[in-house]
């Protein structure tokens, strides 16, 4: 999905900036790696824990209205 498609889907958020986050309980390594490659934060959710699993050098993708 590119930025303009995203804001067609969420028009009330035009003019704002935001980042993506994928929260998961159990997920395949390939899916987790793909989320990071797209610039989305990766968060593992489990028994009363919330652990961000992004590398130190991670640069999130910033979505902006076109």
PDB file of N, CA and C in Angstrom:
ATOM      1  N   UNK A   1       0.857  -1.172   0.000  1.00  0.00           N
ATOM      2  CA  UNK A   1       0.000   0.000   0.000  1.00  0.00           C
ATOM      3  C   UNK A   1       0.899   1.231   0.000  1.00  0.00           C
ATOM      4  N   UNK A   2       0.623   2.156  -0.882  1.00  0.00           N
ATOM      5  CA  UNK A   2       1.410   3.393  -0.868  1.00  0.00           C
ATOM      6  C   UNK A   2       0.670   4.461  -0.057  1.00  0.00           C
ATOM      7  N   UNK A   3       1.343   5.574   0.175  1.00  0.00           N
ATOM      8  CA  UNK A   3       0.780   6.614   1.040  1.00  0.00           C
ATOM      9  C   UNK A   3      -0.560   7.135   0.539  1.00  0.00           C
ATOM     10  N   UNK A   4      -0.686   7.375  -0.767  1.00  0.00           N
ATOM     11  CA  UNK A   4      -1.946   7.934  -1.266  1.00  0.00           C
ATOM     12  C   UNK A   4      -3.090   6.937  -1.109  1.00  0.00           C
ATOM     13  N   UNK A   5      -2.833   5.640  -1.288  1.00  0.00           N
ATOM     14  CA  UNK A   5      -3.879   4.637  -1.078  1.00  0.00           C
ATOM     15  C   UNK A   5      -4.304   4.595   0.385  1.00  0.00           C
ATOM     16  N   UNK A   6      -3.327   4.723   1.261  1.00  0.00           N
ATOM     17  CA  UNK A   6      -3.623   4.691   2.685  1.00  0.00           C
ATOM     18  C   UNK A   6      -4.567   5.819   3.066  1.00  0.00           C
ATOM     19  N   UNK A   7      -4.310   7.026   2.578  1.00  0.00           N
ATOM     20  CA  UNK A   7      -5.145   8.158   2.958  1.00  0.00           C
ATOM     21  C   UNK A   7      -6.466   8.205   2.203  1.00  0.00           C
ATOM     22  N   UNK A   8      -6.594   7.448   1.111  1.00  0.00           N
ATOM     23  CA  UNK A   8      -7.915   7.265   0.506  1.00  0.00           C
ATOM     24  C   UNK A   8      -8.779   6.423   1.436  1.00  0.00           C
ATOM     25  N   UNK A   9      -8.135   5.463   2.101  1.00  0.00           N
ATOM     26  CA  UNK A   9      -8.825   4.572   3.022  1.00  0.00           C
ATOM     27  C   UNK A   9      -9.130   5.268   4.345  1.00  0.00           C
ATOM     28  N   UNK A  10      -8.278   6.232   4.734  1.00  0.00           N
ATOM     29  CA  UNK A  10      -8.429   6.954   6.000  1.00  0.00           C
ATOM     30  C   UNK A  10      -8.426   8.469   5.756  1.00  0.00           C
ATOM     31  N   UNK A  11      -9.395   9.000   5.030  1.00  0.00           N
ATOM     32  CA  UNK A  11      -9.355  10.419   4.647  1.00  0.00           C
ATOM     33  C   UNK A  11      -9.377  11.389   5.826  1.00  0.00           C
ATOM     34  N   UNK A  12      -9.942  10.993   6.949  1.00  0.00           N
ATOM     35  CA  UNK A  12      -9.997  11.892   8.099  1.00  0.00           C
ATOM     36  C   UNK A  12      -8.625  12.166   8.697  1.00  0.00           C
ATOM     37  N   UNK A  13      -7.621  11.406   8.254  1.00  0.00           N
ATOM     38  CA  UNK A  13      -6.272  11.580   8.792  1.00  0.00           C
ATOM     39  C   UNK A  13      -5.327  12.290   7.826  1.00  0.00           C
ATOM     40  N   UNK A  14      -5.866  12.842   6.741  1.00  0.00           N
ATOM     41  CA  UNK A  14      -5.016  13.607   5.823  1.00  0.00           C
ATOM     42  C   UNK A  14      -4.354  14.752   6.579  1.00  0.00           C
ATOM     43  N   UNK A  15      -3.114  15.025   6.230  1.00  0.00           N
ATOM     44  CA  UNK A  15      -2.379  16.099   6.887  1.00  0.00           C
ATOM     45  C   UNK A  15      -1.651  15.659   8.142  1.00  0.00           C
ATOM     46  N   UNK A  16      -1.862  14.424   8.557  1.00  0.00           N
ATOM     47  CA  UNK A  16      -1.178  13.899   9.735  1.00  0.00           C
ATOM     48  C   UNK A  16      -0.051  12.971   9.284  1.00  0.00           C
ATOM     49  N   UNK A  17       0.838  12.678  10.182  1.00  0.00           N
ATOM     50  CA  UNK A  17       1.883  11.691   9.956  1.00  0.00           C
ATOM     51  C   UNK A  17       1.695  10.565  10.965  1.00  0.00           C
ATOM     52  N   UNK A  18       1.978   9.346  10.540  1.00  0.00           N
ATOM     53  CA  UNK A  18       1.953   8.250  11.493  1.00  0.00           C
ATOM     54  C   UNK A  18       2.839   7.116  11.014  1.00  0.00           C
ATOM     55  N   UNK A  19       3.059   6.158  11.901  1.00  0.00           N
ATOM     56  CA  UNK A  19       3.888   4.994  11.594  1.00  0.00           C
ATOM     57  C   UNK A  19       3.040   3.743  11.787  1.00  0.00           C
ATOM     58  N   UNK A  20       3.498   2.634  11.222  1.00  0.00           N
ATOM     59  CA  UNK A  20       2.791   1.372  11.348  1.00  0.00           C
ATOM     60  C   UNK A  20       3.351   0.534  12.482  1.00  0.00           C
ATOM     61  N   UNK A  21       2.491  -0.295  13.043  1.00  0.00           N
ATOM     62  CA  UNK A  21       2.912  -1.212  14.091  1.00  0.00           C
ATOM     63  C   UNK A  21       2.167  -2.525  13.890  1.00  0.00           C
ATOM     64  N   UNK A  22       2.896  -3.612  13.959  1.00  0.00           N
ATOM     65  CA  UNK A  22       2.300  -4.936  13.883  1.00  0.00           C
ATOM     66  C   UNK A  22       2.469  -5.606  15.234  1.00  0.00           C
ATOM     67  N   UNK A  23       1.367  -5.905  15.890  1.00  0.00           N
ATOM     68  CA  UNK A  23       1.405  -6.627  17.155  1.00  0.00           C
ATOM     69  C   UNK A  23       1.009  -8.065  16.871  1.00  0.00           C
ATOM     70  N   UNK A  24       1.742  -8.996  17.479  1.00  0.00           N
ATOM     71  CA  UNK A  24       1.445 -10.403  17.234  1.00  0.00           C
ATOM     72  C   UNK A  24       1.613 -11.214  18.508  1.00  0.00           C
ATOM     73  N   UNK A  25       0.908 -12.340  18.546  1.00  0.00           N
ATOM     74  CA  UNK A  25       1.033 -13.298  19.628  1.00  0.00           C
ATOM     75  C   UNK A  25       1.975 -14.405  19.171  1.00  0.00           C
ATOM     76  N   UNK A  26       1.756 -14.906  17.967  1.00  0.00           N
ATOM     77  CA  UNK A  26       2.592 -15.955  17.396  1.00  0.00           C
ATOM     78  C   UNK A  26       2.678 -15.675  15.903  1.00  0.00           C
ATOM     79  N   UNK A  27       3.882 -15.617  15.362  1.00  0.00           N
ATOM     80  CA  UNK A  27       4.014 -15.302  13.947  1.00  0.00           C
ATOM     81  C   UNK A  27       5.265 -15.915  13.345  1.00  0.00           C
ATOM     82  N   UNK A  28       5.196 -16.169  12.061  1.00  0.00           N
ATOM     83  CA  UNK A  28       6.337 -16.739  11.356  1.00  0.00           C
ATOM     84  C   UNK A  28       7.440 -15.694  11.201  1.00  0.00           C
ATOM     85  N   UNK A  29       8.683 -16.150  11.223  1.00  0.00           N
ATOM     86  CA  UNK A  29       9.835 -15.263  11.092  1.00  0.00           C
ATOM     87  C   UNK A  29       9.763 -14.447   9.808  1.00  0.00           C
ATOM     88  N   UNK A  30       9.333 -15.066   8.720  1.00  0.00           N
ATOM     89  CA  UNK A  30       9.245 -14.361   7.442  1.00  0.00           C
ATOM     90  C   UNK A  30       8.286 -13.180   7.523  1.00  0.00           C
ATOM     91  N   UNK A  31       7.171 -13.360   8.193  1.00  0.00           N
ATOM     92  CA  UNK A  31       6.189 -12.280   8.339  1.00  0.00           C
ATOM     93  C   UNK A  31       6.741 -11.172   9.234  1.00  0.00           C
ATOM     94  N   UNK A  32       7.416 -11.548  10.303  1.00  0.00           N
ATOM     95  CA  UNK A  32       8.010 -10.543  11.194  1.00  0.00           C
ATOM     96  C   UNK A  32       9.094  -9.759  10.459  1.00  0.00           C
ATOM     97  N   UNK A  33       9.944 -10.463   9.701  1.00  0.00           N
ATOM     98  CA  UNK A  33      10.999  -9.792   8.930  1.00  0.00           C
ATOM     99  C   UNK A  33      10.410  -8.858   7.877  1.00  0.00           C
ATOM    100  N   UNK A  34       9.311  -9.272   7.245  1.00  0.00           N
ATOM    101  CA  UNK A  34       8.671  -8.438   6.225  1.00  0.00           C
ATOM    102  C   UNK A  34       8.124  -7.150   6.834  1.00  0.00           C
ATOM    103  N   UNK A  35       7.535  -7.243   8.018  1.00  0.00           N
ATOM    104  CA  UNK A  35       7.013  -6.046   8.688  1.00  0.00           C
ATOM    105  C   UNK A  35       8.140  -5.063   8.977  1.00  0.00           C
ATOM    106  N   UNK A  36       9.260  -5.556   9.480  1.00  0.00           N
ATOM    107  CA  UNK A  36      10.403  -4.683   9.758  1.00  0.00           C
ATOM    108  C   UNK A  36      10.953  -4.081   8.472  1.00  0.00           C
ATOM    109  N   UNK A  37      11.025  -4.872   7.407  1.00  0.00           N
ATOM    110  CA  UNK A  37      11.544  -4.386   6.125  1.00  0.00           C
ATOM    111  C   UNK A  37      10.672  -3.270   5.556  1.00  0.00           C
ATOM    112  N   UNK A  38       9.379  -3.294   5.863  1.00  0.00           N
ATOM    113  CA  UNK A  38       8.465  -2.254   5.397  1.00  0.00           C
ATOM    114  C   UNK A  38       8.467  -1.028   6.305  1.00  0.00           C
ATOM    115  N   UNK A  39       9.244  -1.081   7.391  1.00  0.00           N
ATOM    116  CA  UNK A  39       9.338   0.062   8.289  1.00  0.00           C
ATOM    117  C   UNK A  39       8.276   0.096   9.366  1.00  0.00           C
ATOM    118  N   UNK A  40       7.690  -1.049   9.680  1.00  0.00           N
ATOM    119  CA  UNK A  40       6.664  -1.124  10.718  1.00  0.00           C
ATOM    120  C   UNK A  40       7.293  -1.609  12.009  1.00  0.00           C
ATOM    121  N   UNK A  41       6.891  -1.011  13.127  1.00  0.00           N
ATOM    122  CA  UNK A  41       7.315  -1.505  14.429  1.00  0.00           C
ATOM    123  C   UNK A  41       6.750  -2.905  14.626  1.00  0.00           C
ATOM    124  N   UNK A  42       7.500  -3.743  15.301  1.00  0.00           N
ATOM    125  CA  UNK A  42       7.095  -5.115  15.561  1.00  0.00           C
ATOM    126  C   UNK A  42       6.995  -5.297  17.067  1.00  0.00           C
ATOM    127  N   UNK A  43       5.840  -5.749  17.527  1.00  0.00           N
ATOM    128  CA  UNK A  43       5.583  -5.875  18.959  1.00  0.00           C
ATOM    129  C   UNK A  43       5.029  -7.261  19.255  1.00  0.00           C
ATOM    130  N   UNK A  44       5.649  -7.944  20.189  1.00  0.00           N
ATOM    131  CA  UNK A  44       5.150  -9.246  20.628  1.00  0.00           C
ATOM    132  C   UNK A  44       4.274  -9.026  21.850  1.00  0.00           C
ATOM    133  N   UNK A  45       3.083  -9.604  21.818  1.00  0.00           N
ATOM    134  CA  UNK A  45       2.128  -9.483  22.912  1.00  0.00           C
ATOM    135  C   UNK A  45       1.908 -10.879  23.488  1.00  0.00           C
ATOM    136  N   UNK A  46       2.060 -11.006  24.777  1.00  0.00           N
ATOM    137  CA  UNK A  46       1.869 -12.302  25.433  1.00  0.00           C
ATOM    138  C   UNK A  46       1.275 -12.114  26.805  1.00  0.00           C
ATOM    139  N   UNK A  47       1.465 -13.094  27.634  1.00  0.00           N
ATOM    140  CA  UNK A  47       0.906 -13.083  28.981  1.00  0.00           C
ATOM    141  C   UNK A  47       1.328 -11.841  29.757  1.00  0.00           C
ATOM    142  N   UNK A  48       0.499 -10.819  29.681  1.00  0.00           N
ATOM    143  CA  UNK A  48       0.709  -9.561  30.395  1.00  0.00           C
ATOM    144  C   UNK A  48       2.030  -8.876  30.052  1.00  0.00           C
ATOM    145  N   UNK A  49       2.556  -9.134  28.843  1.00  0.00           N
ATOM    146  CA  UNK A  49       3.772  -8.446  28.396  1.00  0.00           C
ATOM    147  C   UNK A  49       3.517  -7.798  27.040  1.00  0.00           C
ATOM    148  N   UNK A  50       4.279  -6.795  26.766  1.00  0.00           N
ATOM    149  CA  UNK A  50       4.222  -6.049  25.508  1.00  0.00           C
ATOM    150  C   UNK A  50       5.670  -5.712  25.215  1.00  0.00           C
ATOM    151  N   UNK A  51       6.282  -6.420  24.260  1.00  0.00           N
ATOM    152  CA  UNK A  51       7.707  -6.276  24.014  1.00  0.00           C
ATOM    153  C   UNK A  51       7.955  -5.784  22.587  1.00  0.00           C
ATOM    154  N   UNK A  52       8.564  -4.606  22.440  1.00  0.00           N
ATOM    155  CA  UNK A  52       8.916  -4.072  21.123  1.00  0.00           C
ATOM    156  C   UNK A  52      10.146  -4.812  20.626  1.00  0.00           C
ATOM    157  N   UNK A  53      10.061  -5.365  19.415  1.00  0.00           N
ATOM    158  CA  UNK A  53      11.132  -6.203  18.880  1.00  0.00           C
ATOM    159  C   UNK A  53      11.826  -5.570  17.676  1.00  0.00           C
ATOM    160  N   UNK A  54      11.993  -4.277  17.693  1.00  0.00           N
ATOM    161  CA  UNK A  54      12.672  -3.618  16.580  1.00  0.00           C
ATOM    162  C   UNK A  54      14.150  -3.438  16.918  1.00  0.00           C
ATOM    163  N   UNK A  55      15.027  -3.582  15.921  1.00  0.00           N
ATOM    164  CA  UNK A  55      16.459  -3.399  16.164  1.00  0.00           C
ATOM    165  C   UNK A  55      16.790  -1.956  16.560  1.00  0.00           C
ATOM    166  N   UNK A  56      17.924  -1.763  17.197  1.00  0.00           N
ATOM    167  CA  UNK A  56      18.333  -0.415  17.629  1.00  0.00           C
ATOM    168  C   UNK A  56      18.435   0.565  16.462  1.00  0.00           C
ATOM    169  N   UNK A  57      18.881   0.096  15.309  1.00  0.00           N
ATOM    170  CA  UNK A  57      19.073   0.984  14.159  1.00  0.00           C
ATOM    171  C   UNK A  57      17.813   1.103  13.295  1.00  0.00           C
ATOM    172  N   UNK A  58      16.692   0.645  13.796  1.00  0.00           N
ATOM    173  CA  UNK A  58      15.433   0.650  13.051  1.00  0.00           C
ATOM    174  C   UNK A  58      15.002   2.072  12.708  1.00  0.00           C
ATOM    175  N   UNK A  59      14.583   2.271  11.470  1.00  0.00           N
ATOM    176  CA  UNK A  59      14.039   3.557  11.021  1.00  0.00           C
ATOM    177  C   UNK A  59      12.608   3.302  10.540  1.00  0.00           C
ATOM    178  N   UNK A  60      11.614   3.810  11.253  1.00  0.00           N
ATOM    179  CA  UNK A  60      10.229   3.553  10.850  1.00  0.00           C
ATOM    180  C   UNK A  60       9.885   4.304   9.566  1.00  0.00           C
ATOM    181  N   UNK A  61       8.966   3.734   8.829  1.00  0.00           N
ATOM    182  CA  UNK A  61       8.427   4.409   7.658  1.00  0.00           C
ATOM    183  C   UNK A  61       7.393   5.421   8.152  1.00  0.00           C
ATOM    184  N   UNK A  62       7.517   6.656   7.685  1.00  0.00           N
ATOM    185  CA  UNK A  62       6.571   7.706   8.054  1.00  0.00           C
ATOM    186  C   UNK A  62       5.566   7.833   6.921  1.00  0.00           C
ATOM    187  N   UNK A  63       4.289   7.677   7.241  1.00  0.00           N
ATOM    188  CA  UNK A  63       3.218   7.843   6.257  1.00  0.00           C
ATOM    189  C   UNK A  63       2.741   9.286   6.307  1.00  0.00           C
ATOM    190  N   UNK A  64       2.638   9.896   5.130  1.00  0.00           N
ATOM    191  CA  UNK A  64       2.181  11.283   5.010  1.00  0.00           C
ATOM    192  C   UNK A  64       1.160  11.353   3.867  1.00  0.00           C
ATOM    193  N   UNK A  65       0.215  12.268   4.008  1.00  0.00           N
ATOM    194  CA  UNK A  65      -0.750  12.474   2.926  1.00  0.00           C
ATOM    195  C   UNK A  65      -0.031  13.016   1.716  1.00  0.00           C
ATOM    196  N   UNK A  66      -0.412  12.520   0.554  1.00  0.00           N
ATOM    197  CA  UNK A  66       0.221  12.964  -0.704  1.00  0.00           C
ATOM    198  C   UNK A  66      -0.349  14.282  -1.163  1.00  0.00           C
TER     199      UNK A  66
END
